[in-house]
All heavy atoms as atom14 arrays in JSON, in Angstrom:
{
  "sequence": "TASPSAASPSRAAVPPIVVNAVDPQPPSLL",
  "atom14_mask": [
    [1, 1, 1, 1, 1, 1, 1, 0, 0, 0, 0, 0, 0, 0],
    [1, 1, 1, 1, 1, 0, 0, 0, 0, 0, 0, 0, 0, 0],
    [1, 1, 1, 1, 1, 1, 0, 0, 0, 0, 0, 0, 0, 0],
    [1, 1, 1, 1, 1, 1, 1, 0, 0, 0, 0, 0, 0, 0],
    [1, 1, 1, 1, 1, 1, 0, 0, 0, 0, 0, 0, 0, 0],
    [1, 1, 1, 1, 1, 0, 0, 0, 0, 0, 0, 0, 0, 0],
    [1, 1, 1, 1, 1, 0, 0, 0, 0, 0, 0, 0, 0, 0],
    [1, 1, 1, 1, 1, 1, 0, 0, 0, 0, 0, 0, 0, 0],
    [1, 1, 1, 1, 1, 1, 1, 0, 0, 0, 0, 0, 0, 0],
    [1, 1, 1, 1, 1, 1, 0, 0, 0, 0, 0, 0, 0, 0],
    [1, 1, 1, 1, 1, 1, 1, 1, 1, 1, 1, 0, 0, 0],
    [1, 1, 1, 1, 1, 0, 0, 0, 0, 0, 0, 0, 0, 0],
    [1, 1, 1, 1, 1, 0, 0, 0, 0, 0, 0, 0, 0, 0],
    [1, 1, 1, 1, 1, 1, 1, 0, 0, 0, 0, 0, 0, 0],
    [1, 1, 1, 1, 1, 1, 1, 0, 0, 0, 0, 0, 0, 0],
    [1, 1, 1, 1, 1, 1, 1, 0, 0, 0, 0, 0, 0, 0],
    [1, 1, 1, 1, 1, 1, 1, 1, 0, 0, 0, 0, 0, 0],
    [1, 1, 1, 1, 1, 1, 1, 0, 0, 0, 0, 0, 0, 0],
    [1, 1, 1, 1, 1, 1, 1, 0, 0, 0, 0, 0, 0, 0],
    [1, 1, 1, 1, 1, 1, 1, 1, 0, 0, 0, 0, 0, 0],
    [1, 1, 1, 1, 1, 0, 0, 0, 0, 0, 0, 0, 0, 0],
    [1, 1, 1, 1, 1, 1, 1, 0, 0, 0, 0, 0, 0, 0],
    [1, 1, 1, 1, 1, 1, 1, 1, 0, 0, 0, 0, 0, 0],
    [1, 1, 1, 1, 1, 1, 1, 0, 0, 0, 0, 0, 0, 0],
    [1, 1, 1, 1, 1, 1, 1, 1, 1, 0, 0, 0, 0, 0],
    [1, 1, 1, 1, 1, 1, 1, 0, 0, 0, 0, 0, 0, 0],
    [1, 1, 1, 1, 1, 1, 1, 0, 0, 0, 0, 0, 0, 0],
    [1, 1, 1, 1, 1, 1, 0, 0, 0, 0, 0, 0, 0, 0],
    [1, 1, 1, 1, 1, 1, 1, 1, 0, 0, 0, 0, 0, 0],
    [1, 1, 1, 1, 1, 1, 1, 1, 0, 0, 0, 0, 0, 0]
  ],
  "atom14_positions": [
    [[0.81, -1.08, 0.1], [-0.06, -0.04, 0.03], [0.91, 1.25, -0.06], [2.01, 1.28, 0.33], [-0.94, 0.1, 1.22], [-0.12, 0.08, 2.37], [-1.75, -1.22, 1.22], [0.0, 0.0, 0.0], [0.0, 0.0, 0.0], [0.0, 0.0, 0.0], [0.0, 0.0, 0.0], [0.0, 0.0, 0.0], [0.0, 0.0, 0.0], [0.0, 0.0, 0.0]],
    [[0.26, 2.41, -0.33], [1.07, 3.53, -0.58], [1.03, 4.44, 0.7], [1.52, 5.66, 0.58], [0.62, 4.39, -1.8], [0.0, 0.0, 0.0], [0.0, 0.0, 0.0], [0.0, 0.0, 0.0], [0.0, 0.0, 0.0], [0.0, 0.0, 0.0], [0.0, 0.0, 0.0], [0.0, 0.0, 0.0], [0.0, 0.0, 0.0], [0.0, 0.0, 0.0]],
    [[0.55, 4.02, 1.75], [0.56, 4.85, 3.04], [1.77, 4.57, 3.79], [2.34, 3.41, 3.82], [-0.65, 4.55, 3.92], [-0.43, 5.08, 5.23], [0.0, 0.0, 0.0], [0.0, 0.0, 0.0], [0.0, 0.0, 0.0], [0.0, 0.0, 0.0], [0.0, 0.0, 0.0], [0.0, 0.0, 0.0], [0.0, 0.0, 0.0], [0.0, 0.0, 0.0]],
    [[2.53, 5.63, 4.36], [3.78, 5.33, 5.08], [3.54, 4.56, 6.39], [4.5, 4.39, 7.09], [4.34, 6.71, 5.2], [3.23, 7.6, 5.32], [2.21, 7.06, 4.32], [0.0, 0.0, 0.0], [0.0, 0.0, 0.0], [0.0, 0.0, 0.0], [0.0, 0.0, 0.0], [0.0, 0.0, 0.0], [0.0, 0.0, 0.0], [0.0, 0.0, 0.0]],
    [[2.43, 4.23, 6.83], [2.18, 3.69, 8.1], [1.2, 2.44, 8.03], [0.15, 2.39, 8.63], [1.66, 4.58, 8.98], [0.42, 5.32, 8.52], [0.0, 0.0, 0.0], [0.0, 0.0, 0.0], [0.0, 0.0, 0.0], [0.0, 0.0, 0.0], [0.0, 0.0, 0.0], [0.0, 0.0, 0.0], [0.0, 0.0, 0.0], [0.0, 0.0, 0.0]],
    [[1.55, 1.46, 7.23], [0.8, 0.29, 7.06], [0.8, -0.5, 8.39], [1.75, -0.53, 9.08], [1.19, -0.55, 5.93], [0.0, 0.0, 0.0], [0.0, 0.0, 0.0], [0.0, 0.0, 0.0], [0.0, 0.0, 0.0], [0.0, 0.0, 0.0], [0.0, 0.0, 0.0], [0.0, 0.0, 0.0], [0.0, 0.0, 0.0], [0.0, 0.0, 0.0]],
    [[-0.36, -1.24, 8.67], [-0.41, -1.96, 9.89], [0.37, -3.21, 9.93], [0.92, -3.59, 10.95], [-1.86, -2.19, 10.25], [0.0, 0.0, 0.0], [0.0, 0.0, 0.0], [0.0, 0.0, 0.0], [0.0, 0.0, 0.0], [0.0, 0.0, 0.0], [0.0, 0.0, 0.0], [0.0, 0.0, 0.0], [0.0, 0.0, 0.0], [0.0, 0.0, 0.0]],
    [[0.55, -3.85, 8.81], [1.17, -5.14, 8.79], [2.24, -5.2, 7.72], [2.01, -5.67, 6.52], [0.17, -6.29, 8.47], [-0.82, -6.28, 9.49], [0.0, 0.0, 0.0], [0.0, 0.0, 0.0], [0.0, 0.0, 0.0], [0.0, 0.0, 0.0], [0.0, 0.0, 0.0], [0.0, 0.0, 0.0], [0.0, 0.0, 0.0], [0.0, 0.0, 0.0]],
    [[3.47, -4.68, 7.92], [4.41, -4.62, 6.89], [5.34, -5.84, 6.78], [6.29, -5.78, 6.08], [5.32, -3.36, 7.37], [5.24, -3.47, 8.78], [3.92, -4.0, 9.06], [0.0, 0.0, 0.0], [0.0, 0.0, 0.0], [0.0, 0.0, 0.0], [0.0, 0.0, 0.0], [0.0, 0.0, 0.0], [0.0, 0.0, 0.0], [0.0, 0.0, 0.0]],
    [[4.99, -6.9, 7.49], [5.99, -7.94, 7.68], [6.01, -8.92, 6.4], [7.01, -9.52, 6.13], [5.63, -8.75, 8.87], [4.33, -9.38, 8.84], [0.0, 0.0, 0.0], [0.0, 0.0, 0.0], [0.0, 0.0, 0.0], [0.0, 0.0, 0.0], [0.0, 0.0, 0.0], [0.0, 0.0, 0.0], [0.0, 0.0, 0.0], [0.0, 0.0, 0.0]],
    [[4.93, -9.03, 5.71], [4.9, -10.05, 4.55], [4.2, -9.38, 3.4], [3.08, -9.2, 3.47], [4.23, -11.3, 5.0], [4.77, -12.04, 6.12], [4.01, -13.31, 6.45], [4.24, -14.33, 5.43], [5.27, -15.14, 5.44], [6.14, -15.05, 6.32], [5.35, -16.05, 4.38], [0.0, 0.0, 0.0], [0.0, 0.0, 0.0], [0.0, 0.0, 0.0]],
    [[4.92, -9.13, 2.34], [4.35, -8.54, 1.13], [5.3, -8.39, 0.04], [6.46, -9.02, 0.07], [3.88, -7.1, 1.5], [0.0, 0.0, 0.0], [0.0, 0.0, 0.0], [0.0, 0.0, 0.0], [0.0, 0.0, 0.0], [0.0, 0.0, 0.0], [0.0, 0.0, 0.0], [0.0, 0.0, 0.0], [0.0, 0.0, 0.0], [0.0, 0.0, 0.0]],
    [[4.91, -7.87, -1.16], [5.77, -7.79, -2.3], [6.39, -6.4, -2.32], [5.87, -5.4, -1.68], [4.89, -8.02, -3.58], [0.0, 0.0, 0.0], [0.0, 0.0, 0.0], [0.0, 0.0, 0.0], [0.0, 0.0, 0.0], [0.0, 0.0, 0.0], [0.0, 0.0, 0.0], [0.0, 0.0, 0.0], [0.0, 0.0, 0.0], [0.0, 0.0, 0.0]],
    [[7.56, -6.31, -2.84], [8.34, -4.95, -2.81], [8.67, -4.71, -4.24], [8.86, -5.59, -5.08], [9.62, -5.05, -2.02], [9.3, -5.29, -0.56], [10.54, -6.1, -2.51], [0.0, 0.0, 0.0], [0.0, 0.0, 0.0], [0.0, 0.0, 0.0], [0.0, 0.0, 0.0], [0.0, 0.0, 0.0], [0.0, 0.0, 0.0], [0.0, 0.0, 0.0]],
    [[8.89, -3.4, -4.49], [9.43, -3.11, -5.86], [10.83, -3.59, -6.17], [11.51, -3.63, -5.38], [9.37, -1.52, -5.95], [8.66, -1.13, -4.68], [8.69, -2.28, -3.74], [0.0, 0.0, 0.0], [0.0, 0.0, 0.0], [0.0, 0.0, 0.0], [0.0, 0.0, 0.0], [0.0, 0.0, 0.0], [0.0, 0.0, 0.0], [0.0, 0.0, 0.0]],
    [[11.0, -4.13, -7.41], [12.41, -4.53, -7.77], [13.29, -3.36, -7.88], [12.81, -2.21, -8.04], [12.2, -5.28, -9.01], [11.06, -4.61, -9.65], [10.12, -4.31, -8.47], [0.0, 0.0, 0.0], [0.0, 0.0, 0.0], [0.0, 0.0, 0.0], [0.0, 0.0, 0.0], [0.0, 0.0, 0.0], [0.0, 0.0, 0.0], [0.0, 0.0, 0.0]],
    [[14.59, -3.65, -7.86], [15.52, -2.48, -8.0], [15.86, -2.35, -9.5], [16.29, -3.3, -10.13], [16.71, -2.75, -7.18], [16.33, -2.65, -5.71], [17.81, -1.67, -7.47], [17.39, -3.01, -4.72], [0.0, 0.0, 0.0], [0.0, 0.0, 0.0], [0.0, 0.0, 0.0], [0.0, 0.0, 0.0], [0.0, 0.0, 0.0], [0.0, 0.0, 0.0]],
    [[15.73, -1.19, -10.08], [16.16, -0.94, -11.38], [17.52, -0.28, -11.4], [17.63, 0.88, -10.88], [15.2, -0.13, -12.19], [15.67, 0.16, -13.65], [13.85, -0.78, -12.33], [0.0, 0.0, 0.0], [0.0, 0.0, 0.0], [0.0, 0.0, 0.0], [0.0, 0.0, 0.0], [0.0, 0.0, 0.0], [0.0, 0.0, 0.0], [0.0, 0.0, 0.0]],
    [[18.62, -0.88, -11.97], [19.89, -0.26, -11.95], [20.12, 0.26, -13.44], [20.23, -0.36, -14.38], [20.98, -1.3, -11.61], [22.35, -0.6, -11.62], [20.65, -1.87, -10.28], [0.0, 0.0, 0.0], [0.0, 0.0, 0.0], [0.0, 0.0, 0.0], [0.0, 0.0, 0.0], [0.0, 0.0, 0.0], [0.0, 0.0, 0.0], [0.0, 0.0, 0.0]],
    [[20.24, 1.56, -13.58], [20.44, 2.25, -14.85], [21.91, 2.02, -15.34], [22.82, 1.85, -14.49], [20.13, 3.75, -14.75], [18.77, 3.98, -14.4], [17.85, 3.37, -14.92], [18.55, 4.89, -13.47], [0.0, 0.0, 0.0], [0.0, 0.0, 0.0], [0.0, 0.0, 0.0], [0.0, 0.0, 0.0], [0.0, 0.0, 0.0], [0.0, 0.0, 0.0]],
    [[22.06, 1.91, -16.6], [23.34, 1.7, -17.28], [24.25, 2.93, -16.84], [25.49, 2.77, -16.62], [23.27, 1.65, -18.75], [0.0, 0.0, 0.0], [0.0, 0.0, 0.0], [0.0, 0.0, 0.0], [0.0, 0.0, 0.0], [0.0, 0.0, 0.0], [0.0, 0.0, 0.0], [0.0, 0.0, 0.0], [0.0, 0.0, 0.0], [0.0, 0.0, 0.0]],
    [[23.69, 4.18, -16.74], [24.39, 5.27, -16.34], [23.77, 5.77, -15.12], [22.6, 6.09, -15.03], [24.4, 6.42, -17.48], [25.02, 7.72, -16.95], [24.96, 5.92, -18.81], [0.0, 0.0, 0.0], [0.0, 0.0, 0.0], [0.0, 0.0, 0.0], [0.0, 0.0, 0.0], [0.0, 0.0, 0.0], [0.0, 0.0, 0.0], [0.0, 0.0, 0.0]],
    [[24.57, 5.89, -14.04], [23.98, 6.31, -12.74], [23.46, 7.77, -12.84], [24.24, 8.61, -13.5], [24.99, 6.19, -11.58], [25.15, 4.74, -11.21], [24.28, 3.89, -11.47], [26.13, 4.48, -10.58], [0.0, 0.0, 0.0], [0.0, 0.0, 0.0], [0.0, 0.0, 0.0], [0.0, 0.0, 0.0], [0.0, 0.0, 0.0], [0.0, 0.0, 0.0]],
    [[22.31, 8.11, -12.26], [21.84, 9.53, -12.18], [22.78, 10.3, -11.4], [23.54, 9.8, -10.59], [20.42, 9.44, -11.66], [20.48, 8.16, -10.76], [21.46, 7.21, -11.5], [0.0, 0.0, 0.0], [0.0, 0.0, 0.0], [0.0, 0.0, 0.0], [0.0, 0.0, 0.0], [0.0, 0.0, 0.0], [0.0, 0.0, 0.0], [0.0, 0.0, 0.0]],
    [[22.77, 11.61, -11.63], [23.56, 12.51, -10.75], [22.95, 12.57, -9.4], [21.75, 12.86, -9.15], [23.58, 13.93, -11.4], [24.6, 14.85, -10.76], [24.82, 16.17, -11.54], [24.15, 16.42, -12.47], [25.96, 16.85, -11.27], [0.0, 0.0, 0.0], [0.0, 0.0, 0.0], [0.0, 0.0, 0.0], [0.0, 0.0, 0.0], [0.0, 0.0, 0.0]],
    [[23.8, 12.39, -8.38], [23.23, 12.23, -7.03], [23.04, 13.59, -6.4], [23.74, 14.59, -6.7], [24.33, 11.56, -6.26], [25.65, 11.78, -7.0], [25.2, 12.05, -8.45], [0.0, 0.0, 0.0], [0.0, 0.0, 0.0], [0.0, 0.0, 0.0], [0.0, 0.0, 0.0], [0.0, 0.0, 0.0], [0.0, 0.0, 0.0], [0.0, 0.0, 0.0]],
    [[22.08, 13.65, -5.51], [21.96, 14.86, -4.56], [23.27, 14.97, -3.81], [23.91, 14.1, -3.41], [20.84, 14.44, -3.64], [20.09, 13.35, -4.33], [21.02, 12.64, -5.1], [0.0, 0.0, 0.0], [0.0, 0.0, 0.0], [0.0, 0.0, 0.0], [0.0, 0.0, 0.0], [0.0, 0.0, 0.0], [0.0, 0.0, 0.0], [0.0, 0.0, 0.0]],
    [[23.6, 16.27, -3.59], [24.76, 16.57, -2.8], [24.64, 17.37, -1.6], [25.59, 17.4, -0.68], [25.88, 17.27, -3.79], [25.38, 18.43, -4.16], [0.0, 0.0, 0.0], [0.0, 0.0, 0.0], [0.0, 0.0, 0.0], [0.0, 0.0, 0.0], [0.0, 0.0, 0.0], [0.0, 0.0, 0.0], [0.0, 0.0, 0.0], [0.0, 0.0, 0.0]],
    [[23.6, 17.98, -1.41], [23.29, 18.96, -0.35], [21.91, 19.05, 0.07], [21.02, 19.12, -0.62], [23.87, 20.31, -0.58], [23.84, 21.36, 0.46], [24.85, 21.07, 1.61], [24.18, 22.74, -0.04], [0.0, 0.0, 0.0], [0.0, 0.0, 0.0], [0.0, 0.0, 0.0], [0.0, 0.0, 0.0], [0.0, 0.0, 0.0], [0.0, 0.0, 0.0]],
    [[21.67, 18.89, 1.47], [20.27, 19.15, 2.0], [20.32, 20.33, 2.86], [21.07, 20.46, 3.73], [19.96, 17.82, 2.83], [18.67, 18.04, 3.59], [17.38, 18.09, 2.8], [18.5, 16.65, 4.54], [0.0, 0.0, 0.0], [0.0, 0.0, 0.0], [0.0, 0.0, 0.0], [0.0, 0.0, 0.0], [0.0, 0.0, 0.0], [0.0, 0.0, 0.0]]
  ]
}
């Protein structure tokens, strides 16, 4: 689910990781 506070996060499916051929430019400052 898309809420940040699900009641039962222990067993579910997760998004796979997509690794780009060229890494995006990373954030550098907050």
